[in-house]
């Protein structure tokens, strides 16, 4: 490949850093509620995680006796879940979330290096294109200063 088509091979420390940040970002993303739904049996299902929901919490709504229509749950009983909740984890979605955040970190590093390489190239072009002062102008200035 040419000079412009060179890809950056991340060092091991960058991979460890991006993997750590990806795990941290995925762990923090479990606070994002991505969907909330009701089943006809009265079970509420909440999915957490971004961009893919990797944690699912399902449970029976409080005050299920007597049965009420789905629209009345939040109004009459509140969205509280009983202590019989079941939490499940989708590890494949967790892996994709981590890889998503690692990819964001790698692309950020790649664009930063390309930006810096472009700035360095433009700065070196400006320095090389800068013309030095011709000698005859320098001699005229020296003669003017010596006459005083």
C-alpha atoms as a PDB file:
ATOM      1  CA  UNK A   1       0.000   0.000   0.000  1.00  0.00           C
ATOM      2  CA  UNK A   2       1.027   3.586  -0.481  1.00  0.00           C
ATOM      3  CA  UNK A   3       1.888   6.057   2.219  1.00  0.00           C
ATOM      4  CA  UNK A   4      -1.719   7.319   2.422  1.00  0.00           C
ATOM      5  CA  UNK A   5      -3.261   3.831   2.648  1.00  0.00           C
ATOM      6  CA  UNK A   6      -1.314   2.701   5.707  1.00  0.00           C
ATOM      7  CA  UNK A   7      -3.542   1.367   8.478  1.00  0.00           C
ATOM      8  CA  UNK A   8      -2.629   1.761  12.090  1.00  0.00           C
ATOM      9  CA  UNK A   9      -2.000  -1.501  13.891  1.00  0.00           C
ATOM     10  CA  UNK A  10      -3.025  -0.855  17.478  1.00  0.00           C
ATOM     11  CA  UNK A  11      -0.523  -1.817  20.100  1.00  0.00           C
ATOM     12  CA  UNK A  12      -1.411  -4.234  22.856  1.00  0.00           C
ATOM     13  CA  UNK A  13      -1.821  -1.424  25.384  1.00  0.00           C
ATOM     14  CA  UNK A  14      -4.419   0.246  23.130  1.00  0.00           C
ATOM     15  CA  UNK A  15      -6.316  -3.018  22.742  1.00  0.00           C
ATOM     16  CA  UNK A  16      -6.318  -3.564  26.509  1.00  0.00           C
ATOM     17  CA  UNK A  17      -7.411   0.047  27.033  1.00  0.00           C
ATOM     18  CA  UNK A  18     -10.226  -0.179  24.472  1.00  0.00           C
ATOM     19  CA  UNK A  19     -11.358  -3.552  25.794  1.00  0.00           C
ATOM     20  CA  UNK A  20     -11.475  -2.163  29.345  1.00  0.00           C
ATOM     21  CA  UNK A  21     -13.375   0.926  28.224  1.00  0.00           C
ATOM     22  CA  UNK A  22     -15.745  -1.250  26.165  1.00  0.00           C
ATOM     23  CA  UNK A  23     -16.503  -3.434  29.175  1.00  0.00           C
ATOM     24  CA  UNK A  24     -17.038  -0.364  31.342  1.00  0.00           C
ATOM     25  CA  UNK A  25     -19.296   1.311  28.771  1.00  0.00           C
ATOM     26  CA  UNK A  26     -21.341  -1.888  28.363  1.00  0.00           C
ATOM     27  CA  UNK A  27     -21.671  -2.238  32.128  1.00  0.00           C
ATOM     28  CA  UNK A  28     -22.850   1.373  32.404  1.00  0.00           C
ATOM     29  CA  UNK A  29     -25.248   0.896  29.473  1.00  0.00           C
ATOM     30  CA  UNK A  30     -27.210  -1.662  31.503  1.00  0.00           C
ATOM     31  CA  UNK A  31     -28.886   1.380  33.107  1.00  0.00           C
ATOM     32  CA  UNK A  32     -30.522   2.211  29.766  1.00  0.00           C
ATOM     33  CA  UNK A  33     -34.017   0.762  29.492  1.00  0.00           C
ATOM     34  CA  UNK A  34     -34.409  -0.250  25.844  1.00  0.00           C
ATOM     35  CA  UNK A  35     -37.861  -1.844  25.997  1.00  0.00           C
ATOM     36  CA  UNK A  36     -40.629  -2.492  28.474  1.00  0.00           C
ATOM     37  CA  UNK A  37     -43.520  -4.803  27.622  1.00  0.00           C
ATOM     38  CA  UNK A  38     -46.396  -6.757  29.185  1.00  0.00           C
ATOM     39  CA  UNK A  39     -47.433 -10.296  28.412  1.00  0.00           C
ATOM     40  CA  UNK A  40     -51.124 -11.280  28.493  1.00  0.00           C
ATOM     41  CA  UNK A  41     -50.387 -13.340  31.611  1.00  0.00           C
ATOM     42  CA  UNK A  42     -49.524 -10.157  33.531  1.00  0.00           C
ATOM     43  CA  UNK A  43     -45.747 -10.568  33.372  1.00  0.00           C
ATOM     44  CA  UNK A  44     -43.756  -7.380  32.779  1.00  0.00           C
ATOM     45  CA  UNK A  45     -40.509  -7.675  30.817  1.00  0.00           C
ATOM     46  CA  UNK A  46     -37.798  -4.998  30.912  1.00  0.00           C
ATOM     47  CA  UNK A  47     -34.762  -5.113  28.617  1.00  0.00           C
ATOM     48  CA  UNK A  48     -31.629  -3.180  29.533  1.00  0.00           C
ATOM     49  CA  UNK A  49     -28.424  -2.419  27.628  1.00  0.00           C
ATOM     50  CA  UNK A  50     -27.399  -0.319  24.662  1.00  0.00           C
ATOM     51  CA  UNK A  51     -27.146  -0.785  21.688  1.00  0.00           C
ATOM     52  CA  UNK A  52     -28.330  -4.375  22.182  1.00  0.00           C
ATOM     53  CA  UNK A  53     -30.360  -5.321  25.257  1.00  0.00           C
ATOM     54  CA  UNK A  54     -28.296  -7.918  27.099  1.00  0.00           C
ATOM     55  CA  UNK A  55     -30.109  -7.955  30.466  1.00  0.00           C
ATOM     56  CA  UNK A  56     -33.756  -9.000  30.748  1.00  0.00           C
ATOM     57  CA  UNK A  57     -35.779  -8.592  33.944  1.00  0.00           C
ATOM     58  CA  UNK A  58     -39.202 -10.220  34.070  1.00  0.00           C
ATOM     59  CA  UNK A  59     -41.660 -10.288  36.927  1.00  0.00           C
ATOM     60  CA  UNK A  60     -45.289 -10.106  37.941  1.00  0.00           C
ATOM     61  CA  UNK A  61     -46.734  -6.671  38.563  1.00  0.00           C
ATOM     62  CA  UNK A  62     -47.844  -5.786  42.083  1.00  0.00           C
ATOM     63  CA  UNK A  63     -51.555  -5.981  42.859  1.00  0.00           C
ATOM     64  CA  UNK A  64     -52.352  -8.595  40.247  1.00  0.00           C
ATOM     65  CA  UNK A  65     -55.534  -9.566  42.071  1.00  0.00           C
ATOM     66  CA  UNK A  66     -58.095  -8.831  40.633  1.00  0.00           C
ATOM     67  CA  UNK A  67     -56.773  -8.909  37.032  1.00  0.00           C
ATOM     68  CA  UNK A  68     -56.866  -5.555  35.256  1.00  0.00           C
ATOM     69  CA  UNK A  69     -56.343  -4.451  31.663  1.00  0.00           C
ATOM     70  CA  UNK A  70     -52.793  -3.617  30.592  1.00  0.00           C
ATOM     71  CA  UNK A  71     -53.458   0.121  30.324  1.00  0.00           C
ATOM     72  CA  UNK A  72     -54.537   0.307  33.973  1.00  0.00           C
ATOM     73  CA  UNK A  73     -51.341  -1.204  35.456  1.00  0.00           C
ATOM     74  CA  UNK A  74     -49.322   1.956  35.703  1.00  0.00           C
ATOM     75  CA  UNK A  75     -52.306   4.080  36.743  1.00  0.00           C
ATOM     76  CA  UNK A  76     -53.845   1.894  39.436  1.00  0.00           C
ATOM     77  CA  UNK A  77     -50.919  -0.139  40.756  1.00  0.00           C
ATOM     78  CA  UNK A  78     -47.729   1.601  39.710  1.00  0.00           C
ATOM     79  CA  UNK A  79     -44.969  -0.104  37.751  1.00  0.00           C
ATOM     80  CA  UNK A  80     -43.489  -1.931  40.744  1.00  0.00           C
ATOM     81  CA  UNK A  81     -42.380  -5.528  40.324  1.00  0.00           C
ATOM     82  CA  UNK A  82     -42.915  -8.228  42.917  1.00  0.00           C
ATOM     83  CA  UNK A  83     -39.960  -9.998  44.499  1.00  0.00           C
ATOM     84  CA  UNK A  84     -40.395 -12.943  42.143  1.00  0.00           C
ATOM     85  CA  UNK A  85     -38.365 -11.238  39.397  1.00  0.00           C
ATOM     86  CA  UNK A  86     -36.129 -13.260  37.137  1.00  0.00           C
ATOM     87  CA  UNK A  87     -33.025 -11.685  35.615  1.00  0.00           C
ATOM     88  CA  UNK A  88     -31.401 -13.275  32.575  1.00  0.00           C
ATOM     89  CA  UNK A  89     -28.306 -12.238  30.627  1.00  0.00           C
ATOM     90  CA  UNK A  90     -27.650 -12.639  26.916  1.00  0.00           C
ATOM     91  CA  UNK A  91     -23.852 -12.987  26.733  1.00  0.00           C
ATOM     92  CA  UNK A  92     -23.767 -12.852  22.919  1.00  0.00           C
ATOM     93  CA  UNK A  93     -25.422  -9.414  22.982  1.00  0.00           C
ATOM     94  CA  UNK A  94     -23.019  -8.350  25.738  1.00  0.00           C
ATOM     95  CA  UNK A  95     -20.081  -9.389  23.542  1.00  0.00           C
ATOM     96  CA  UNK A  96     -21.472  -7.396  20.601  1.00  0.00           C
ATOM     97  CA  UNK A  97     -21.958  -4.373  22.857  1.00  0.00           C
ATOM     98  CA  UNK A  98     -18.345  -4.580  24.048  1.00  0.00           C
ATOM     99  CA  UNK A  99     -17.112  -4.937  20.450  1.00  0.00           C
ATOM    100  CA  UNK A 100     -19.268  -1.966  19.440  1.00  0.00           C
ATOM    101  CA  UNK A 101     -17.609   0.262  22.044  1.00  0.00           C
ATOM    102  CA  UNK A 102     -14.120  -1.121  21.244  1.00  0.00           C
ATOM    103  CA  UNK A 103     -14.762  -0.247  17.586  1.00  0.00           C
ATOM    104  CA  UNK A 104     -15.721   3.299  18.535  1.00  0.00           C
ATOM    105  CA  UNK A 105     -12.458   3.641  20.470  1.00  0.00           C
ATOM    106  CA  UNK A 106     -10.361   2.227  17.612  1.00  0.00           C
ATOM    107  CA  UNK A 107     -12.015   4.478  15.016  1.00  0.00           C
ATOM    108  CA  UNK A 108     -11.446   7.478  17.285  1.00  0.00           C
ATOM    109  CA  UNK A 109      -7.749   6.628  17.546  1.00  0.00           C
ATOM    110  CA  UNK A 110      -7.506   6.063  13.787  1.00  0.00           C
ATOM    111  CA  UNK A 111      -9.165   9.382  12.932  1.00  0.00           C
ATOM    112  CA  UNK A 112      -7.005  11.196  15.501  1.00  0.00           C
ATOM    113  CA  UNK A 113      -3.811   9.814  13.922  1.00  0.00           C
ATOM    114  CA  UNK A 114      -4.992  10.712  10.412  1.00  0.00           C
ATOM    115  CA  UNK A 115      -5.886  14.220  11.555  1.00  0.00           C
ATOM    116  CA  UNK A 116      -2.484  14.696  13.188  1.00  0.00           C
ATOM    117  CA  UNK A 117      -0.705  13.269  10.131  1.00  0.00           C
ATOM    118  CA  UNK A 118      -2.588  15.747   7.907  1.00  0.00           C
ATOM    119  CA  UNK A 119      -1.744  18.678  10.182  1.00  0.00           C
ATOM    120  CA  UNK A 120       1.934  17.662  10.231  1.00  0.00           C
ATOM    121  CA  UNK A 121       1.976  17.321   6.437  1.00  0.00           C
ATOM    122  CA  UNK A 122       0.412  20.769   5.925  1.00  0.00           C
ATOM    123  CA  UNK A 123       2.788  22.354   8.426  1.00  0.00           C
ATOM    124  CA  UNK A 124       5.846  20.849   6.713  1.00  0.00           C
ATOM    125  CA  UNK A 125       4.542  22.041   3.326  1.00  0.00           C
ATOM    126  CA  UNK A 126       4.136  25.572   4.674  1.00  0.00           C
ATOM    127  CA  UNK A 127       7.658  25.577   6.069  1.00  0.00           C
ATOM    128  CA  UNK A 128       9.195  24.204   2.863  1.00  0.00           C
ATOM    129  CA  UNK A 129       7.223  26.639   0.668  1.00  0.00           C
ATOM    130  CA  UNK A 130       8.164  29.631   2.760  1.00  0.00           C
ATOM    131  CA  UNK A 131      10.629  31.656   0.752  1.00  0.00           C
ATOM    132  CA  UNK A 132      13.659  33.077   2.445  1.00  0.00           C
ATOM    133  CA  UNK A 133      14.344  36.795   2.238  1.00  0.00           C
ATOM    134  CA  UNK A 134      16.440  37.711  -0.814  1.00  0.00           C
ATOM    135  CA  UNK A 135      20.004  38.891  -0.047  1.00  0.00           C
ATOM    136  CA  UNK A 136      19.712  42.273  -1.776  1.00  0.00           C
ATOM    137  CA  UNK A 137      16.909  43.348   0.589  1.00  0.00           C
ATOM    138  CA  UNK A 138      18.986  42.271   3.580  1.00  0.00           C
ATOM    139  CA  UNK A 139      21.997  44.285   2.316  1.00  0.00           C
ATOM    140  CA  UNK A 140      19.867  47.405   1.784  1.00  0.00           C
ATOM    141  CA  UNK A 141      18.543  47.185   5.341  1.00  0.00           C
ATOM    142  CA  UNK A 142      22.082  46.787   6.753  1.00  0.00           C
ATOM    143  CA  UNK A 143      23.317  49.838   4.798  1.00  0.00           C
ATOM    144  CA  UNK A 144      20.372  51.929   6.038  1.00  0.00           C
ATOM    145  CA  UNK A 145      21.111  51.014   9.649  1.00  0.00           C
ATOM    146  CA  UNK A 146      24.847  51.774   9.340  1.00  0.00           C
ATOM    147  CA  UNK A 147      24.265  55.286   8.018  1.00  0.00           C
ATOM    148  CA  UNK A 148      22.666  56.461  11.274  1.00  0.00           C
END
